C-alpha atoms as a PDB file:
ATOM      1  CA  MET A   1     134.869  70.135  25.347  1.00  0.00           C
ATOM      2  CA  LYS A   2     134.227  67.124  26.627  1.00  0.00           C
ATOM      3  CA  GLN A   3     131.910  68.099  29.566  1.00  0.00           C
ATOM      4  CA  ILE A   4     129.927  70.534  26.426  1.00  0.00           C
ATOM      5  CA  LEU A   5     129.601  67.997  24.214  1.00  0.00           C
ATOM      6  CA  VAL A   6     128.006  65.352  27.254  1.00  0.00           C
ATOM      7  CA  PHE A   7     126.166  68.599  28.543  1.00  0.00           C
ATOM      8  CA  ILE A   8     124.302  69.443  24.767  1.00  0.00           C
ATOM      9  CA  MET A   9     123.732  65.106  24.854  1.00  0.00           C
ATOM     10  CA  PHE A  10     122.020  64.778  27.487  1.00  0.00           C
ATOM     11  CA  VAL A  11     119.582  68.615  26.906  1.00  0.00           C
ATOM     12  CA  THR A  12     118.829  66.864  24.173  1.00  0.00           C
ATOM     13  CA  LEU A  13     118.145  63.650  25.241  1.00  0.00           C
ATOM     14  CA  LEU A  14     115.837  65.805  27.870  1.00  0.00           C
ATOM     15  CA  CYS A  15     114.259  68.047  25.910  1.00  0.00           C
ATOM     16  CA  TRP A  16     113.059  64.335  23.337  1.00  0.00           C
ATOM     17  CA  PHE A  17     111.388  62.739  26.921  1.00  0.00           C
ATOM     18  CA  MET A  18     109.897  66.092  28.111  1.00  0.00           C
ATOM     19  CA  PHE A  19     107.865  66.473  24.398  1.00  0.00           C
ATOM     20  CA  ALA A  20     107.797  63.227  23.147  1.00  0.00           C
ATOM     21  CA  PRO A  21     104.526  62.028  25.237  1.00  0.00           C
ATOM     22  CA  VAL A  22     103.004  65.923  23.940  1.00  0.00           C
ATOM     23  CA  TYR A  23     103.611  65.092  20.335  1.00  0.00           C
ATOM     24  CA  LYS A  24     102.153  60.982  20.593  1.00  0.00           C
ATOM     25  CA  HIS A  25      99.116  62.192  22.463  1.00  0.00           C
ATOM     26  CA  VAL A  26      98.086  64.608  19.379  1.00  0.00           C
ATOM     27  CA  ILE A  27      99.064  61.151  17.084  1.00  0.00           C
ATOM     28  CA  ILE A  28      97.094  58.907  18.920  1.00  0.00           C
ATOM     29  CA  THR A  29      93.984  62.516  19.272  1.00  0.00           C
ATOM     30  CA  ARG A  30      94.005  62.005  15.447  1.00  0.00           C
ATOM     31  CA  GLN A  31      93.285  59.067  15.272  1.00  0.00           C
ATOM     32  CA  ALA A  32      90.853  58.196  18.068  1.00  0.00           C
ATOM     33  CA  VAL A  33      88.645  61.604  16.067  1.00  0.00           C
ATOM     34  CA  LEU A  34      88.963  60.195  12.202  1.00  0.00           C
ATOM     35  CA  GLN A  35      87.400  56.434  14.435  1.00  0.00           C
ATOM     36  CA  LYS A  36      85.373  58.573  15.745  1.00  0.00           C
ATOM     37  CA  GLU A  37      84.147  60.527  12.318  1.00  0.00           C
ATOM     38  CA  VAL A  38      84.042  56.533  10.100  1.00  0.00           C
ATOM     39  CA  ASP A  39      81.862  55.055  13.113  1.00  0.00           C
ATOM     40  CA  TYR A  40      79.540  58.753  12.921  1.00  0.00           C
ATOM     41  CA  LEU A  41      79.153  58.038   8.942  1.00  0.00           C
ATOM     42  CA  LEU A  42      78.620  54.722   8.896  1.00  0.00           C
ATOM     43  CA  GLU A  43      76.215  54.772  11.437  1.00  0.00           C
ATOM     44  CA  VAL A  44      74.233  57.485   9.509  1.00  0.00           C
ATOM     45  CA  GLY A  45      75.098  55.404   6.252  1.00  0.00           C
ATOM     46  CA  ALA A  46      74.218  52.351   6.602  1.00  0.00           C
ATOM     47  CA  SER A  47      70.886  53.642   8.624  1.00  0.00           C
ATOM     48  CA  GLY A  48      67.864  52.044   7.403  1.00  0.00           C
ATOM     49  CA  ALA A  49      66.794  55.995   4.988  1.00  0.00           C
ATOM     50  CA  ARG A  50      70.122  55.615   3.056  1.00  0.00           C
ATOM     51  CA  GLY A  51      72.296  53.072   2.893  1.00  0.00           C
ATOM     52  CA  TYR A  52      74.483  55.140   0.733  1.00  0.00           C
ATOM     53  CA  ILE A  53      77.387  57.387   1.985  1.00  0.00           C
ATOM     54  CA  ASP A  54      77.386  59.622  -0.326  1.00  0.00           C
ATOM     55  CA  PRO A  55      79.681  62.573  -1.570  1.00  0.00           C
ATOM     56  CA  GLY A  56      76.629  65.259   0.520  1.00  0.00           C
ATOM     57  CA  MET A  57      77.267  63.431   3.364  1.00  0.00           C
ATOM     58  CA  ILE A  58      81.872  62.899   2.437  1.00  0.00           C
ATOM     59  CA  GLY A  59      81.895  67.577   2.427  1.00  0.00           C
ATOM     60  CA  GLN A  60      79.573  67.793   6.016  1.00  0.00           C
ATOM     61  CA  SER A  61      82.569  65.011   7.418  1.00  0.00           C
ATOM     62  CA  ARG A  62      85.901  66.872   5.637  1.00  0.00           C
ATOM     63  CA  GLN A  63      83.829  69.488   7.245  1.00  0.00           C
ATOM     64  CA  ARG A  64      83.921  69.098  10.954  1.00  0.00           C
ATOM     65  CA  LEU A  65      87.686  67.317  10.708  1.00  0.00           C
ATOM     66  CA  GLU A  66      88.120  70.832   9.434  1.00  0.00           C
ATOM     67  CA  GLU A  67      86.061  72.158  12.450  1.00  0.00           C
ATOM     68  CA  ARG A  68      89.165  69.605  14.904  1.00  0.00           C
ATOM     69  CA  GLY A  69      92.696  71.081  12.431  1.00  0.00           C
ATOM     70  CA  PHE A  70      92.841  68.655  10.080  1.00  0.00           C
ATOM     71  CA  ILE A  71      93.474  69.913   6.630  1.00  0.00           C
ATOM     72  CA  GLY A  72      90.397  69.247   4.221  1.00  0.00           C
ATOM     73  CA  ALA A  73      93.085  68.597   1.033  1.00  0.00           C
ATOM     74  CA  ASP A  74      94.642  66.312   2.555  1.00  0.00           C
ATOM     75  CA  LEU A  75      91.542  63.390   4.088  1.00  0.00           C
ATOM     76  CA  ASP A  76      90.780  61.488   1.403  1.00  0.00           C
ATOM     77  CA  TYR A  77      87.350  58.770   1.158  1.00  0.00           C
ATOM     78  CA  LEU A  78      86.939  55.373  -0.165  1.00  0.00           C
ATOM     79  CA  VAL A  79      83.647  53.955  -0.206  1.00  0.00           C
ATOM     80  CA  THR A  80      82.881  49.755  -1.065  1.00  0.00           C
ATOM     81  CA  THR A  81      80.996  47.484  -1.131  1.00  0.00           C
ATOM     82  CA  THR A  82      81.446  43.887   0.386  1.00  0.00           C
ATOM     83  CA  THR A  83      78.682  43.363  -3.706  1.00  0.00           C
ATOM     84  CA  GLY A  84      80.668  45.818  -5.394  1.00  0.00           C
ATOM     85  CA  VAL A  85      77.964  48.635  -6.192  1.00  0.00           C
ATOM     86  CA  GLY A  86      79.835  51.771  -5.377  1.00  0.00           C
ATOM     87  CA  GLY A  87      77.910  52.936  -1.750  1.00  0.00           C
ATOM     88  CA  ARG A  88      78.225  56.599  -2.865  1.00  0.00           C
ATOM     89  CA  ASN A  89      75.458  56.698  -5.341  1.00  0.00           C
ATOM     90  CA  SER A  90      72.128  57.606  -3.735  1.00  0.00           C
ATOM     91  CA  GLY A  91      70.468  56.026  -6.410  1.00  0.00           C
ATOM     92  CA  GLU A  92      71.390  53.086  -5.283  1.00  0.00           C
ATOM     93  CA  PRO A  93      71.699  52.300  -2.760  1.00  0.00           C
ATOM     94  CA  VAL A  94      73.051  48.769  -0.808  1.00  0.00           C
ATOM     95  CA  PRO A  95      70.680  46.371  -0.069  1.00  0.00           C
ATOM     96  CA  ARG A  96      70.056  45.053   3.677  1.00  0.00           C
ATOM     97  CA  GLY A  97      72.364  42.716   4.481  1.00  0.00           C
ATOM     98  CA  ASN A  98      75.484  43.755   2.795  1.00  0.00           C
ATOM     99  CA  GLY A  99      78.292  45.881   3.668  1.00  0.00           C
ATOM    100  CA  ILE A 100      79.650  49.278   3.433  1.00  0.00           C
ATOM    101  CA  ARG A 101      82.592  49.418   4.015  1.00  0.00           C
ATOM    102  CA  LEU A 102      84.409  53.095   4.492  1.00  0.00           C
ATOM    103  CA  MET A 103      88.509  53.781   5.102  1.00  0.00           C
ATOM    104  CA  ILE A 104      89.740  58.064   5.996  1.00  0.00           C
ATOM    105  CA  THR A 105      93.275  58.560   5.404  1.00  0.00           C
ATOM    106  CA  TYR A 106      95.053  61.336   6.587  1.00  0.00           C
ATOM    107  CA  PRO A 107      99.230  62.192   6.206  1.00  0.00           C
ATOM    108  CA  TYR A 108     101.040  62.074   9.386  1.00  0.00           C
ATOM    109  CA  GLY A 109     102.885  65.180   8.022  1.00  0.00           C
ATOM    110  CA  GLY A 110     106.136  66.715   9.614  1.00  0.00           C
ATOM    111  CA  LEU A 111     105.001  64.879  12.865  1.00  0.00           C
ATOM    112  CA  PHE A 112     108.063  62.137  13.254  1.00  0.00           C
ATOM    113  CA  ILE A 113     110.785  65.068  12.923  1.00  0.00           C
ATOM    114  CA  ILE A 114     112.073  65.213  16.075  1.00  0.00           C
ATOM    115  CA  ASP A 115     112.786  61.998  16.756  1.00  0.00           C
ATOM    116  CA  ARG A 116     115.247  62.032  14.383  1.00  0.00           C
ATOM    117  CA  LEU A 117     117.287  63.596  17.097  1.00  0.00           C
ATOM    118  CA  VAL A 118     118.060  60.768  18.970  1.00  0.00           C
ATOM    119  CA  GLY A 119     118.113  58.320  16.074  1.00  0.00           C
ATOM    120  CA  ILE A 120     114.690  57.610  15.355  1.00  0.00           C
ATOM    121  CA  ALA A 121     113.789  56.887  11.810  1.00  0.00           C
ATOM    122  CA  PRO A 122     110.743  58.228  11.549  1.00  0.00           C
ATOM    123  CA  PRO A 123     108.140  56.769   8.366  1.00  0.00           C
ATOM    124  CA  SER A 124     108.154  57.643   5.191  1.00  0.00           C
ATOM    125  CA  GLU A 125     106.770  60.683   3.446  1.00  0.00           C
ATOM    126  CA  GLY A 126     104.031  59.316   2.131  1.00  0.00           C
ATOM    127  CA  ALA A 127     102.540  57.247   5.161  1.00  0.00           C
ATOM    128  CA  VAL A 128      99.308  58.052   6.259  1.00  0.00           C
ATOM    129  CA  MET A 129      97.164  57.386   9.473  1.00  0.00           C
ATOM    130  CA  ALA A 130      94.118  55.415   8.409  1.00  0.00           C
ATOM    131  CA  ALA A 131      90.797  54.716  10.171  1.00  0.00           C
ATOM    132  CA  VAL A 132      88.317  51.609   8.719  1.00  0.00           C
ATOM    133  CA  GLY A 133      85.028  50.769   9.903  1.00  0.00           C
ATOM    134  CA  MET A 134      82.252  48.497   7.981  1.00  0.00           C
ATOM    135  CA  LYS A 135      78.910  48.443   8.829  1.00  0.00           C
ATOM    136  CA  MET A 136      75.762  46.428   7.192  1.00  0.00           C
ATOM    137  CA  SER A 137      72.812  48.388   5.828  1.00  0.00           C
ATOM    138  CA  GLU A 138      69.308  47.961   7.063  1.00  0.00           C
ATOM    139  CA  TYR A 139      67.812  50.078   3.931  1.00  0.00           C
ATOM    140  CA  VAL A 140      65.530  47.864   2.821  1.00  0.00           C
ATOM    141  CA  PRO A 141      63.318  49.001  -0.431  1.00  0.00           C
END
């Protein structure tokens, strides 16, 4: 009986060590894709032609991220500026020299459930990964 228990423990640990890098890689890849999207939106939104990140651009971003495996409804976008102006209104672009800050968050979901097998506490249910960036607006009226 003792040998069976040791065997089960060994197999559990072996499986965890084999598959842990795989799902950790998924987390790292998701984080990188989110950061790339933030950088892209800031590059386009803070350009001299725009000076804002409007809901249409955010909608296109959701579609791009859905194509990469994200659930669009779970993505949360927060656009702020250094001056307190919204930064989402095409009628009031952020003038040159003021920062536009973008944060995209996405929940981890059940990616850490396998960690429970070896006694590692997973993040809380409400935990999210986030990608953040800031760029100075180049818009000149």
